[in-house]
Amino acid sequence: MITEQSAQYYAKSASNHDRIYDRPERKDDLKAMHGHVADTLRGHTVLELACGTGYWTRILAGVADHVVATDINPEMIAMARLRALPADKVTLRVADAWDLPDDLGDFTAVFIGFWW
């Protein structure tokens, strides 16, 4: 379960969050992960938990039928909105992954990236 302290940390670090993906030593692994995620979730209706700034949401939007991307922090959702994700394919919602609202919809897959 995410604590209030953890949520505050991620909210404060939202603008720097994607720097973890910029490290050169991660380039090859990320390329492989992009392909794996795309192949696995192609054509699905995806619930994305803890979407952060929308880094993976962008990948999902390219292959999924629809994505509902959620994060507990409004600051992260605001950063994800800056990616100009296709409105017909992506819905961004503030939601706690441990206490999801009943009105999110029906899904054929769930994705949680970088939450291990």
PDB file of N, CA and C in Angstrom:
ATOM      1  N   MET A   1       0.839  -1.170   0.000  1.00  0.00           N
ATOM      2  CA  MET A   1       0.000   0.000   0.000  1.00  0.00           C
ATOM      3  C   MET A   1       0.886   1.237   0.000  1.00  0.00           C
ATOM      4  N   ILE A   2       0.519   2.232  -0.780  1.00  0.00           N
ATOM      5  CA  ILE A   2       1.290   3.476  -0.821  1.00  0.00           C
ATOM      6  C   ILE A   2       0.923   4.312   0.406  1.00  0.00           C
ATOM      7  N   THR A   3       1.933   4.861   1.034  1.00  0.00           N
ATOM      8  CA  THR A   3       1.704   5.710   2.194  1.00  0.00           C
ATOM      9  C   THR A   3       1.549   7.147   1.740  1.00  0.00           C
ATOM     10  N   GLU A   4       1.021   7.958   2.608  1.00  0.00           N
ATOM     11  CA  GLU A   4       0.885   9.388   2.303  1.00  0.00           C
ATOM     12  C   GLU A   4       2.258   9.998   2.031  1.00  0.00           C
ATOM     13  N   GLN A   5       3.270   9.560   2.784  1.00  0.00           N
ATOM     14  CA  GLN A   5       4.627  10.063   2.595  1.00  0.00           C
ATOM     15  C   GLN A   5       5.158   9.691   1.209  1.00  0.00           C
ATOM     16  N   SER A   6       4.905   8.459   0.766  1.00  0.00           N
ATOM     17  CA  SER A   6       5.335   8.037  -0.568  1.00  0.00           C
ATOM     18  C   SER A   6       4.618   8.841  -1.645  1.00  0.00           C
ATOM     19  N   ALA A   7       3.328   9.032  -1.482  1.00  0.00           N
ATOM     20  CA  ALA A   7       2.550   9.800  -2.458  1.00  0.00           C
ATOM     21  C   ALA A   7       3.087  11.222  -2.564  1.00  0.00           C
ATOM     22  N   GLN A   8       3.433  11.828  -1.438  1.00  0.00           N
ATOM     23  CA  GLN A   8       3.982  13.183  -1.455  1.00  0.00           C
ATOM     24  C   GLN A   8       5.337  13.225  -2.160  1.00  0.00           C
ATOM     25  N   TYR A   9       6.164  12.214  -1.937  1.00  0.00           N
ATOM     26  CA  TYR A   9       7.463  12.148  -2.610  1.00  0.00           C
ATOM     27  C   TYR A   9       7.270  12.138  -4.131  1.00  0.00           C
ATOM     28  N   TYR A  10       6.387  11.256  -4.632  1.00  0.00           N
ATOM     29  CA  TYR A  10       6.170  11.162  -6.070  1.00  0.00           C
ATOM     30  C   TYR A  10       5.543  12.439  -6.628  1.00  0.00           C
ATOM     31  N   ALA A  11       4.680  13.061  -5.864  1.00  0.00           N
ATOM     32  CA  ALA A  11       4.079  14.314  -6.312  1.00  0.00           C
ATOM     33  C   ALA A  11       5.151  15.393  -6.478  1.00  0.00           C
ATOM     34  N   LYS A  12       6.073  15.469  -5.522  1.00  0.00           N
ATOM     35  CA  LYS A  12       7.128  16.482  -5.587  1.00  0.00           C
ATOM     36  C   LYS A  12       8.150  16.191  -6.680  1.00  0.00           C
ATOM     37  N   SER A  13       8.328  14.917  -7.018  1.00  0.00           N
ATOM     38  CA  SER A  13       9.346  14.561  -8.004  1.00  0.00           C
ATOM     39  C   SER A  13       8.775  14.374  -9.410  1.00  0.00           C
ATOM     40  N   ALA A  14       7.517  14.709  -9.620  1.00  0.00           N
ATOM     41  CA  ALA A  14       6.851  14.444 -10.904  1.00  0.00           C
ATOM     42  C   ALA A  14       7.628  14.998 -12.095  1.00  0.00           C
ATOM     43  N   SER A  15       8.137  16.199 -11.974  1.00  0.00           N
ATOM     44  CA  SER A  15       8.814  16.806 -13.132  1.00  0.00           C
ATOM     45  C   SER A  15      10.145  16.139 -13.466  1.00  0.00           C
ATOM     46  N   ASN A  16      10.713  15.395 -12.540  1.00  0.00           N
ATOM     47  CA  ASN A  16      11.995  14.712 -12.779  1.00  0.00           C
ATOM     48  C   ASN A  16      11.838  13.209 -12.962  1.00  0.00           C
ATOM     49  N   HIS A  17      10.645  12.730 -12.881  1.00  0.00           N
ATOM     50  CA  HIS A  17      10.389  11.292 -12.840  1.00  0.00           C
ATOM     51  C   HIS A  17      10.921  10.528 -14.064  1.00  0.00           C
ATOM     52  N   ASP A  18      10.809  11.073 -15.238  1.00  0.00           N
ATOM     53  CA  ASP A  18      11.199  10.358 -16.457  1.00  0.00           C
ATOM     54  C   ASP A  18      12.702  10.264 -16.669  1.00  0.00           C
ATOM     55  N   ARG A  19      13.475  10.915 -15.859  1.00  0.00           N
ATOM     56  CA  ARG A  19      14.930  10.844 -16.010  1.00  0.00           C
ATOM     57  C   ARG A  19      15.454   9.418 -15.831  1.00  0.00           C
ATOM     58  N   ILE A  20      14.718   8.595 -15.123  1.00  0.00           N
ATOM     59  CA  ILE A  20      15.152   7.209 -14.936  1.00  0.00           C
ATOM     60  C   ILE A  20      15.221   6.463 -16.263  1.00  0.00           C
ATOM     61  N   TYR A  21      14.430   6.904 -17.240  1.00  0.00           N
ATOM     62  CA  TYR A  21      14.407   6.247 -18.552  1.00  0.00           C
ATOM     63  C   TYR A  21      15.494   6.762 -19.484  1.00  0.00           C
ATOM     64  N   ASP A  22      16.156   7.842 -19.117  1.00  0.00           N
ATOM     65  CA  ASP A  22      17.153   8.467 -19.983  1.00  0.00           C
ATOM     66  C   ASP A  22      18.556   7.907 -19.823  1.00  0.00           C
ATOM     67  N   ARG A  23      18.760   7.063 -18.874  1.00  0.00           N
ATOM     68  CA  ARG A  23      20.105   6.534 -18.625  1.00  0.00           C
ATOM     69  C   ARG A  23      20.526   5.623 -19.772  1.00  0.00           C
ATOM     70  N   PRO A  24      21.704   5.866 -20.342  1.00  0.00           N
ATOM     71  CA  PRO A  24      22.162   5.104 -21.516  1.00  0.00           C
ATOM     72  C   PRO A  24      22.202   3.592 -21.278  1.00  0.00           C
ATOM     73  N   GLU A  25      22.545   3.185 -20.080  1.00  0.00           N
ATOM     74  CA  GLU A  25      22.641   1.749 -19.800  1.00  0.00           C
ATOM     75  C   GLU A  25      21.279   1.045 -19.822  1.00  0.00           C
ATOM     76  N   ARG A  26      20.202   1.798 -19.848  1.00  0.00           N
ATOM     77  CA  ARG A  26      18.860   1.210 -19.889  1.00  0.00           C
ATOM     78  C   ARG A  26      18.262   1.166 -21.293  1.00  0.00           C
ATOM     79  N   LYS A  27      18.943   1.771 -22.248  1.00  0.00           N
ATOM     80  CA  LYS A  27      18.416   1.920 -23.609  1.00  0.00           C
ATOM     81  C   LYS A  27      17.995   0.593 -24.235  1.00  0.00           C
ATOM     82  N   ASP A  28      18.869  -0.393 -24.228  1.00  0.00           N
ATOM     83  CA  ASP A  28      18.560  -1.675 -24.868  1.00  0.00           C
ATOM     84  C   ASP A  28      17.440  -2.415 -24.150  1.00  0.00           C
ATOM     85  N   ASP A  29      17.472  -2.404 -22.819  1.00  0.00           N
ATOM     86  CA  ASP A  29      16.417  -3.071 -22.058  1.00  0.00           C
ATOM     87  C   ASP A  29      15.063  -2.412 -22.297  1.00  0.00           C
ATOM     88  N   LEU A  30      15.034  -1.093 -22.335  1.00  0.00           N
ATOM     89  CA  LEU A  30      13.774  -0.385 -22.578  1.00  0.00           C
ATOM     90  C   LEU A  30      13.235  -0.676 -23.974  1.00  0.00           C
ATOM     91  N   LYS A  31      14.113  -0.740 -24.948  1.00  0.00           N
ATOM     92  CA  LYS A  31      13.673  -1.055 -26.309  1.00  0.00           C
ATOM     93  C   LYS A  31      13.017  -2.436 -26.339  1.00  0.00           C
ATOM     94  N   ALA A  32      13.635  -3.394 -25.682  1.00  0.00           N
ATOM     95  CA  ALA A  32      13.059  -4.739 -25.617  1.00  0.00           C
ATOM     96  C   ALA A  32      11.732  -4.728 -24.871  1.00  0.00           C
ATOM     97  N   MET A  33      11.664  -3.980 -23.775  1.00  0.00           N
ATOM     98  CA  MET A  33      10.414  -3.896 -23.005  1.00  0.00           C
ATOM     99  C   MET A  33       9.304  -3.239 -23.815  1.00  0.00           C
ATOM    100  N   HIS A  34       9.628  -2.199 -24.570  1.00  0.00           N
ATOM    101  CA  HIS A  34       8.618  -1.542 -25.424  1.00  0.00           C
ATOM    102  C   HIS A  34       7.988  -2.577 -26.356  1.00  0.00           C
ATOM    103  N   GLY A  35       8.827  -3.378 -26.998  1.00  0.00           N
ATOM    104  CA  GLY A  35       8.324  -4.394 -27.921  1.00  0.00           C
ATOM    105  C   GLY A  35       7.495  -5.450 -27.220  1.00  0.00           C
ATOM    106  N   HIS A  36       7.957  -5.891 -26.067  1.00  0.00           N
ATOM    107  CA  HIS A  36       7.229  -6.917 -25.314  1.00  0.00           C
ATOM    108  C   HIS A  36       5.869  -6.402 -24.848  1.00  0.00           C
ATOM    109  N   VAL A  37       5.864  -5.205 -24.306  1.00  0.00           N
ATOM    110  CA  VAL A  37       4.607  -4.608 -23.838  1.00  0.00           C
ATOM    111  C   VAL A  37       3.646  -4.412 -25.010  1.00  0.00           C
ATOM    112  N   ALA A  38       4.145  -3.900 -26.119  1.00  0.00           N
ATOM    113  CA  ALA A  38       3.304  -3.670 -27.299  1.00  0.00           C
ATOM    114  C   ALA A  38       2.715  -4.985 -27.811  1.00  0.00           C
ATOM    115  N   ASP A  39       3.535  -6.012 -27.922  1.00  0.00           N
ATOM    116  CA  ASP A  39       3.055  -7.311 -28.404  1.00  0.00           C
ATOM    117  C   ASP A  39       2.018  -7.918 -27.461  1.00  0.00           C
ATOM    118  N   THR A  40       2.245  -7.790 -26.173  1.00  0.00           N
ATOM    119  CA  THR A  40       1.367  -8.399 -25.179  1.00  0.00           C
ATOM    120  C   THR A  40       0.023  -7.693 -25.077  1.00  0.00           C
ATOM    121  N   LEU A  41       0.011  -6.375 -25.194  1.00  0.00           N
ATOM    122  CA  LEU A  41      -1.213  -5.615 -24.928  1.00  0.00           C
ATOM    123  C   LEU A  41      -1.915  -5.093 -26.177  1.00  0.00           C
ATOM    124  N   ARG A  42      -1.424  -5.471 -27.334  1.00  0.00           N
ATOM    125  CA  ARG A  42      -2.055  -5.061 -28.594  1.00  0.00           C
ATOM    126  C   ARG A  42      -3.514  -5.505 -28.623  1.00  0.00           C
ATOM    127  N   GLY A  43      -4.414  -4.561 -28.897  1.00  0.00           N
ATOM    128  CA  GLY A  43      -5.832  -4.859 -29.040  1.00  0.00           C
ATOM    129  C   GLY A  43      -6.603  -4.989 -27.737  1.00  0.00           C
ATOM    130  N   HIS A  44      -5.958  -4.797 -26.615  1.00  0.00           N
ATOM    131  CA  HIS A  44      -6.626  -4.916 -25.312  1.00  0.00           C
ATOM    132  C   HIS A  44      -7.239  -3.594 -24.866  1.00  0.00           C
ATOM    133  N   THR A  45      -8.148  -3.685 -23.945  1.00  0.00           N
ATOM    134  CA  THR A  45      -8.632  -2.542 -23.186  1.00  0.00           C
ATOM    135  C   THR A  45      -7.887  -2.611 -21.867  1.00  0.00           C
ATOM    136  N   VAL A  46      -6.999  -1.638 -21.633  1.00  0.00           N
ATOM    137  CA  VAL A  46      -6.004  -1.740 -20.566  1.00  0.00           C
ATOM    138  C   VAL A  46      -6.306  -0.782 -19.419  1.00  0.00           C
ATOM    139  N   LEU A  47      -6.236  -1.307 -18.212  1.00  0.00           N
ATOM    140  CA  LEU A  47      -6.213  -0.483 -17.012  1.00  0.00           C
ATOM    141  C   LEU A  47      -4.751  -0.352 -16.616  1.00  0.00           C
ATOM    142  N   GLU A  48      -4.238   0.867 -16.623  1.00  0.00           N
ATOM    143  CA  GLU A  48      -2.863   1.100 -16.203  1.00  0.00           C
ATOM    144  C   GLU A  48      -2.881   1.698 -14.801  1.00  0.00           C
ATOM    145  N   LEU A  49      -2.236   1.011 -13.882  1.00  0.00           N
ATOM    146  CA  LEU A  49      -2.139   1.480 -12.505  1.00  0.00           C
ATOM    147  C   LEU A  49      -0.815   2.200 -12.311  1.00  0.00           C
ATOM    148  N   ALA A  50      -0.846   3.259 -11.514  1.00  0.00           N
ATOM    149  CA  ALA A  50       0.362   4.034 -11.204  1.00  0.00           C
ATOM    150  C   ALA A  50       1.068   4.485 -12.487  1.00  0.00           C
ATOM    151  N   CYS A  51       0.335   5.161 -13.348  1.00  0.00           N
ATOM    152  CA  CYS A  51       0.865   5.548 -14.667  1.00  0.00           C
ATOM    153  C   CYS A  51       1.942   6.617 -14.601  1.00  0.00           C
ATOM    154  N   GLY A  52       2.062   7.288 -13.465  1.00  0.00           N
ATOM    155  CA  GLY A  52       3.089   8.328 -13.359  1.00  0.00           C
ATOM    156  C   GLY A  52       2.894   9.391 -14.414  1.00  0.00           C
ATOM    157  N   THR A  53       3.952   9.715 -15.099  1.00  0.00           N
ATOM    158  CA  THR A  53       3.924  10.797 -16.096  1.00  0.00           C
ATOM    159  C   THR A  53       3.413  10.345 -17.460  1.00  0.00           C
ATOM    160  N   GLY A  54       3.014   9.094 -17.570  1.00  0.00           N
ATOM    161  CA  GLY A  54       2.471   8.600 -18.834  1.00  0.00           C
ATOM    162  C   GLY A  54       3.506   8.027 -19.786  1.00  0.00           C
ATOM    163  N   TYR A  55       4.706   7.761 -19.302  1.00  0.00           N
ATOM    164  CA  TYR A  55       5.746   7.193 -20.159  1.00  0.00           C
ATOM    165  C   TYR A  55       5.244   5.923 -20.836  1.00  0.00           C
ATOM    166  N   TRP A  56       4.755   4.973 -20.048  1.00  0.00           N
ATOM    167  CA  TRP A  56       4.267   3.715 -20.617  1.00  0.00           C
ATOM    168  C   TRP A  56       2.894   3.888 -21.261  1.00  0.00           C
ATOM    169  N   THR A  57       2.117   4.848 -20.780  1.00  0.00           N
ATOM    170  CA  THR A  57       0.800   5.118 -21.375  1.00  0.00           C
ATOM    171  C   THR A  57       0.954   5.434 -22.854  1.00  0.00           C
ATOM    172  N   ARG A  58       1.985   6.172 -23.194  1.00  0.00           N
ATOM    173  CA  ARG A  58       2.270   6.528 -24.591  1.00  0.00           C
ATOM    174  C   ARG A  58       2.487   5.266 -25.427  1.00  0.00           C
ATOM    175  N   ILE A  59       3.213   4.309 -24.888  1.00  0.00           N
ATOM    176  CA  ILE A  59       3.462   3.047 -25.588  1.00  0.00           C
ATOM    177  C   ILE A  59       2.148   2.276 -25.738  1.00  0.00           C
ATOM    178  N   LEU A  60       1.396   2.202 -24.650  1.00  0.00           N
ATOM    179  CA  LEU A  60       0.121   1.479 -24.666  1.00  0.00           C
ATOM    180  C   LEU A  60      -0.859   2.095 -25.653  1.00  0.00           C
ATOM    181  N   ALA A  61      -0.905   3.407 -25.718  1.00  0.00           N
ATOM    182  CA  ALA A  61      -1.846   4.101 -26.610  1.00  0.00           C
ATOM    183  C   ALA A  61      -1.610   3.748 -28.069  1.00  0.00           C
ATOM    184  N   GLY A  62      -0.388   3.379 -28.395  1.00  0.00           N
ATOM    185  CA  GLY A  62      -0.066   3.020 -29.775  1.00  0.00           C
ATOM    186  C   GLY A  62      -0.575   1.650 -30.196  1.00  0.00           C
ATOM    187  N   VAL A  63      -0.939   0.808 -29.231  1.00  0.00           N
ATOM    188  CA  VAL A  63      -1.312  -0.568 -29.576  1.00  0.00           C
ATOM    189  C   VAL A  63      -2.638  -1.035 -28.976  1.00  0.00           C
ATOM    190  N   ALA A  64      -3.033  -0.483 -27.856  1.00  0.00           N
ATOM    191  CA  ALA A  64      -4.256  -0.930 -27.180  1.00  0.00           C
ATOM    192  C   ALA A  64      -5.487  -0.310 -27.831  1.00  0.00           C
ATOM    193  N   ASP A  65      -6.622  -0.967 -27.657  1.00  0.00           N
ATOM    194  CA  ASP A  65      -7.877  -0.383 -28.129  1.00  0.00           C
ATOM    195  C   ASP A  65      -8.239   0.844 -27.296  1.00  0.00           C
ATOM    196  N   HIS A  66      -8.012   0.742 -25.988  1.00  0.00           N
ATOM    197  CA  HIS A  66      -8.254   1.873 -25.086  1.00  0.00           C
ATOM    198  C   HIS A  66      -7.436   1.661 -23.820  1.00  0.00           C
ATOM    199  N   VAL A  67      -7.035   2.771 -23.195  1.00  0.00           N
ATOM    200  CA  VAL A  67      -6.269   2.744 -21.955  1.00  0.00           C
ATOM    201  C   VAL A  67      -6.915   3.696 -20.955  1.00  0.00           C
ATOM    202  N   VAL A  68      -7.175   3.197 -19.764  1.00  0.00           N
ATOM    203  CA  VAL A  68      -7.531   4.060 -18.645  1.00  0.00           C
ATOM    204  C   VAL A  68      -6.308   4.065 -17.743  1.00  0.00           C
ATOM    205  N   ALA A  69      -5.609   5.194 -17.728  1.00  0.00           N
ATOM    206  CA  ALA A  69      -4.364   5.332 -16.975  1.00  0.00           C
ATOM    207  C   ALA A  69      -4.657   6.071 -15.683  1.00  0.00           C
ATOM    208  N   THR A  70      -4.278   5.452 -14.569  1.00  0.00           N
ATOM    209  CA  THR A  70      -4.575   6.030 -13.262  1.00  0.00           C
ATOM    210  C   THR A  70      -3.300   6.282 -12.472  1.00  0.00           C
ATOM    211  N   ASP A  71      -3.364   7.272 -11.604  1.00  0.00           N
ATOM    212  CA  ASP A  71      -2.295   7.520 -10.653  1.00  0.00           C
ATOM    213  C   ASP A  71      -2.906   8.206  -9.440  1.00  0.00           C
ATOM    214  N   ILE A  72      -2.327   7.985  -8.288  1.00  0.00           N
ATOM    215  CA  ILE A  72      -2.836   8.584  -7.056  1.00  0.00           C
ATOM    216  C   ILE A  72      -2.561  10.081  -6.982  1.00  0.00           C
ATOM    217  N   ASN A  73      -1.572  10.532  -7.748  1.00  0.00           N
ATOM    218  CA  ASN A  73      -1.147  11.928  -7.686  1.00  0.00           C
ATOM    219  C   ASN A  73      -1.668  12.765  -8.843  1.00  0.00           C
ATOM    220  N   PRO A  74      -2.418  13.812  -8.539  1.00  0.00           N
ATOM    221  CA  PRO A  74      -2.842  14.723  -9.606  1.00  0.00           C
ATOM    222  C   PRO A  74      -1.656  15.327 -10.353  1.00  0.00           C
ATOM    223  N   GLU A  75      -0.523  15.507  -9.668  1.00  0.00           N
ATOM    224  CA  GLU A  75       0.666  16.069 -10.309  1.00  0.00           C
ATOM    225  C   GLU A  75       1.183  15.147 -11.414  1.00  0.00           C
ATOM    226  N   MET A  76       1.138  13.856 -11.176  1.00  0.00           N
ATOM    227  CA  MET A  76       1.574  12.900 -12.195  1.00  0.00           C
ATOM    228  C   MET A  76       0.597  12.894 -13.374  1.00  0.00           C
ATOM    229  N   ILE A  77      -0.681  12.926 -13.090  1.00  0.00           N
ATOM    230  CA  ILE A  77      -1.692  12.972 -14.163  1.00  0.00           C
ATOM    231  C   ILE A  77      -1.498  14.240 -14.992  1.00  0.00           C
ATOM    232  N   ALA A  78      -1.190  15.356 -14.335  1.00  0.00           N
ATOM    233  CA  ALA A  78      -0.946  16.610 -15.062  1.00  0.00           C
ATOM    234  C   ALA A  78       0.259  16.464 -15.994  1.00  0.00           C
ATOM    235  N   MET A  79       1.303  15.776 -15.537  1.00  0.00           N
ATOM    236  CA  MET A  79       2.468  15.543 -16.394  1.00  0.00           C
ATOM    237  C   MET A  79       2.085  14.631 -17.564  1.00  0.00           C
ATOM    238  N   ALA A  80       1.283  13.622 -17.311  1.00  0.00           N
ATOM    239  CA  ALA A  80       0.853  12.718 -18.384  1.00  0.00           C
ATOM    240  C   ALA A  80       0.041  13.477 -19.434  1.00  0.00           C
ATOM    241  N   ARG A  81      -0.767  14.419 -19.005  1.00  0.00           N
ATOM    242  CA  ARG A  81      -1.560  15.218 -19.959  1.00  0.00           C
ATOM    243  C   ARG A  81      -0.666  16.010 -20.916  1.00  0.00           C
ATOM    244  N   LEU A  82       0.518  16.366 -20.482  1.00  0.00           N
ATOM    245  CA  LEU A  82       1.449  17.116 -21.332  1.00  0.00           C
ATOM    246  C   LEU A  82       1.940  16.290 -22.518  1.00  0.00           C
ATOM    247  N   ARG A  83       1.771  14.992 -22.474  1.00  0.00           N
ATOM    248  CA  ARG A  83       2.197  14.124 -23.573  1.00  0.00           C
ATOM    249  C   ARG A  83       1.237  14.172 -24.761  1.00  0.00           C
ATOM    250  N   ALA A  84       0.125  14.865 -24.612  1.00  0.00           N
ATOM    251  CA  ALA A  84      -0.857  14.975 -25.695  1.00  0.00           C
ATOM    252  C   ALA A  84      -1.238  13.589 -26.215  1.00  0.00           C
ATOM    253  N   LEU A  85      -1.619  12.717 -25.306  1.00  0.00           N
ATOM    254  CA  LEU A  85      -2.045  11.366 -25.665  1.00  0.00           C
ATOM    255  C   LEU A  85      -3.374  11.430 -26.415  1.00  0.00           C
ATOM    256  N   PRO A  86      -3.626  10.500 -27.319  1.00  0.00           N
ATOM    257  CA  PRO A  86      -4.862  10.562 -28.114  1.00  0.00           C
ATOM    258  C   PRO A  86      -6.109  10.403 -27.228  1.00  0.00           C
ATOM    259  N   ALA A  87      -6.941  11.427 -27.228  1.00  0.00           N
ATOM    260  CA  ALA A  87      -8.121  11.455 -26.363  1.00  0.00           C
ATOM    261  C   ALA A  87      -9.112  10.338 -26.681  1.00  0.00           C
ATOM    262  N   ASP A  88      -9.121   9.863 -27.911  1.00  0.00           N
ATOM    263  CA  ASP A  88     -10.043   8.794 -28.274  1.00  0.00           C
ATOM    264  C   ASP A  88      -9.556   7.426 -27.785  1.00  0.00           C
ATOM    265  N   LYS A  89      -8.309   7.352 -27.310  1.00  0.00           N
ATOM    266  CA  LYS A  89      -7.750   6.073 -26.859  1.00  0.00           C
ATOM    267  C   LYS A  89      -7.335   6.063 -25.393  1.00  0.00           C
ATOM    268  N   VAL A  90      -7.154   7.237 -24.803  1.00  0.00           N
ATOM    269  CA  VAL A  90      -6.618   7.299 -23.441  1.00  0.00           C
ATOM    270  C   VAL A  90      -7.499   8.163 -22.546  1.00  0.00           C
ATOM    271  N   THR A  91      -7.819   7.612 -21.387  1.00  0.00           N
ATOM    272  CA  THR A  91      -8.504   8.348 -20.335  1.00  0.00           C
ATOM    273  C   THR A  91      -7.552   8.393 -19.147  1.00  0.00           C
ATOM    274  N   LEU A  92      -7.288   9.584 -18.626  1.00  0.00           N
ATOM    275  CA  LEU A  92      -6.424   9.747 -17.458  1.00  0.00           C
ATOM    276  C   LEU A  92      -7.287  10.040 -16.235  1.00  0.00           C
ATOM    277  N   ARG A  93      -7.027   9.302 -15.155  1.00  0.00           N
ATOM    278  CA  ARG A  93      -7.830   9.459 -13.938  1.00  0.00           C
ATOM    279  C   ARG A  93      -6.945   9.455 -12.701  1.00  0.00           C
ATOM    280  N   VAL A  94      -7.262  10.317 -11.749  1.00  0.00           N
ATOM    281  CA  VAL A  94      -6.646  10.238 -10.434  1.00  0.00           C
ATOM    282  C   VAL A  94      -7.378   9.132  -9.687  1.00  0.00           C
ATOM    283  N   ALA A  95      -6.626   8.127  -9.252  1.00  0.00           N
ATOM    284  CA  ALA A  95      -7.216   7.008  -8.512  1.00  0.00           C
ATOM    285  C   ALA A  95      -6.134   6.278  -7.743  1.00  0.00           C
ATOM    286  N   ASP A  96      -6.502   5.778  -6.587  1.00  0.00           N
ATOM    287  CA  ASP A  96      -5.604   4.991  -5.745  1.00  0.00           C
ATOM    288  C   ASP A  96      -5.667   3.536  -6.193  1.00  0.00           C
ATOM    289  N   ALA A  97      -4.547   2.978  -6.602  1.00  0.00           N
ATOM    290  CA  ALA A  97      -4.503   1.600  -7.094  1.00  0.00           C
ATOM    291  C   ALA A  97      -4.970   0.592  -6.048  1.00  0.00           C
ATOM    292  N   TRP A  98      -4.887   0.954  -4.792  1.00  0.00           N
ATOM    293  CA  TRP A  98      -5.304   0.046  -3.711  1.00  0.00           C
ATOM    294  C   TRP A  98      -6.769   0.228  -3.347  1.00  0.00           C
ATOM    295  N   ASP A  99      -7.427   1.229  -3.912  1.00  0.00           N
ATOM    296  CA  ASP A  99      -8.836   1.501  -3.610  1.00  0.00           C
ATOM    297  C   ASP A  99      -9.484   2.104  -4.857  1.00  0.00           C
ATOM    298  N   LEU A 100      -9.598   1.288  -5.904  1.00  0.00           N
ATOM    299  CA  LEU A 100     -10.091   1.782  -7.193  1.00  0.00           C
ATOM    300  C   LEU A 100     -11.587   2.087  -7.146  1.00  0.00           C
ATOM    301  N   PRO A 101     -11.996   3.145  -7.849  1.00  0.00           N
ATOM    302  CA  PRO A 101     -13.421   3.459  -7.931  1.00  0.00           C
ATOM    303  C   PRO A 101     -14.156   2.421  -8.775  1.00  0.00           C
ATOM    304  N   ASP A 102     -15.432   2.263  -8.515  1.00  0.00           N
ATOM    305  CA  ASP A 102     -16.245   1.265  -9.213  1.00  0.00           C
ATOM    306  C   ASP A 102     -16.532   1.632 -10.668  1.00  0.00           C
ATOM    307  N   ASP A 103     -16.380   2.889 -11.036  1.00  0.00           N
ATOM    308  CA  ASP A 103     -16.796   3.344 -12.364  1.00  0.00           C
ATOM    309  C   ASP A 103     -15.668   3.379 -13.400  1.00  0.00           C
ATOM    310  N   LEU A 104     -14.579   2.655 -13.174  1.00  0.00           N
ATOM    311  CA  LEU A 104     -13.467   2.691 -14.125  1.00  0.00           C
ATOM    312  C   LEU A 104     -13.789   2.004 -15.446  1.00  0.00           C
ATOM    313  N   GLY A 105     -14.616   0.988 -15.419  1.00  0.00           N
ATOM    314  CA  GLY A 105     -14.949   0.287 -16.649  1.00  0.00           C
ATOM    315  C   GLY A 105     -14.534  -1.167 -16.601  1.00  0.00           C
ATOM    316  N   ASP A 106     -14.561  -1.804 -17.765  1.00  0.00           N
ATOM    317  CA  ASP A 106     -14.186  -3.209 -17.906  1.00  0.00           C
ATOM    318  C   ASP A 106     -12.899  -3.286 -18.722  1.00  0.00           C
ATOM    319  N   PHE A 107     -12.041  -4.233 -18.349  1.00  0.00           N
ATOM    320  CA  PHE A 107     -10.723  -4.323 -18.965  1.00  0.00           C
ATOM    321  C   PHE A 107     -10.382  -5.760 -19.320  1.00  0.00           C
ATOM    322  N   THR A 108      -9.552  -5.902 -20.336  1.00  0.00           N
ATOM    323  CA  THR A 108      -9.054  -7.225 -20.703  1.00  0.00           C
ATOM    324  C   THR A 108      -7.613  -7.414 -20.263  1.00  0.00           C
ATOM    325  N   ALA A 109      -6.983  -6.344 -19.751  1.00  0.00           N
ATOM    326  CA  ALA A 109      -5.602  -6.436 -19.276  1.00  0.00           C
ATOM    327  C   ALA A 109      -5.327  -5.312 -18.283  1.00  0.00           C
ATOM    328  N   VAL A 110      -4.369  -5.565 -17.417  1.00  0.00           N
ATOM    329  CA  VAL A 110      -3.893  -4.557 -16.469  1.00  0.00           C
ATOM    330  C   VAL A 110      -2.389  -4.423 -16.666  1.00  0.00           C
ATOM    331  N   PHE A 111      -1.911  -3.186 -16.643  1.00  0.00           N
ATOM    332  CA  PHE A 111      -0.475  -2.929 -16.782  1.00  0.00           C
ATOM    333  C   PHE A 111      -0.010  -2.074 -15.612  1.00  0.00           C
ATOM    334  N   ILE A 112       1.111  -2.482 -15.031  1.00  0.00           N
ATOM    335  CA  ILE A 112       1.761  -1.702 -13.986  1.00  0.00           C
ATOM    336  C   ILE A 112       3.236  -1.630 -14.348  1.00  0.00           C
ATOM    337  N   GLY A 113       3.697  -0.475 -14.765  1.00  0.00           N
ATOM    338  CA  GLY A 113       5.087  -0.340 -15.166  1.00  0.00           C
ATOM    339  C   GLY A 113       5.934   0.312 -14.087  1.00  0.00           C
ATOM    340  N   PHE A 114       7.130  -0.212 -13.899  1.00  0.00           N
ATOM    341  CA  PHE A 114       8.104   0.339 -12.981  1.00  0.00           C
ATOM    342  C   PHE A 114       7.568   0.428 -11.558  1.00  0.00           C
ATOM    343  N   TRP A 115       6.790  -0.570 -11.173  1.00  0.00           N
ATOM    344  CA  TRP A 115       6.234  -0.606  -9.810  1.00  0.00           C
ATOM    345  C   TRP A 115       6.586  -1.951  -9.188  1.00  0.00           C
ATOM    346  N   TRP A 116       7.856  -2.284  -9.260  1.00  0.00           N
ATOM    347  CA  TRP A 116       8.304  -3.544  -8.684  1.00  0.00           C
ATOM    348  C   TRP A 116       9.439  -3.290  -7.723  1.00  0.00           C
TER     349      TRP A 116
END
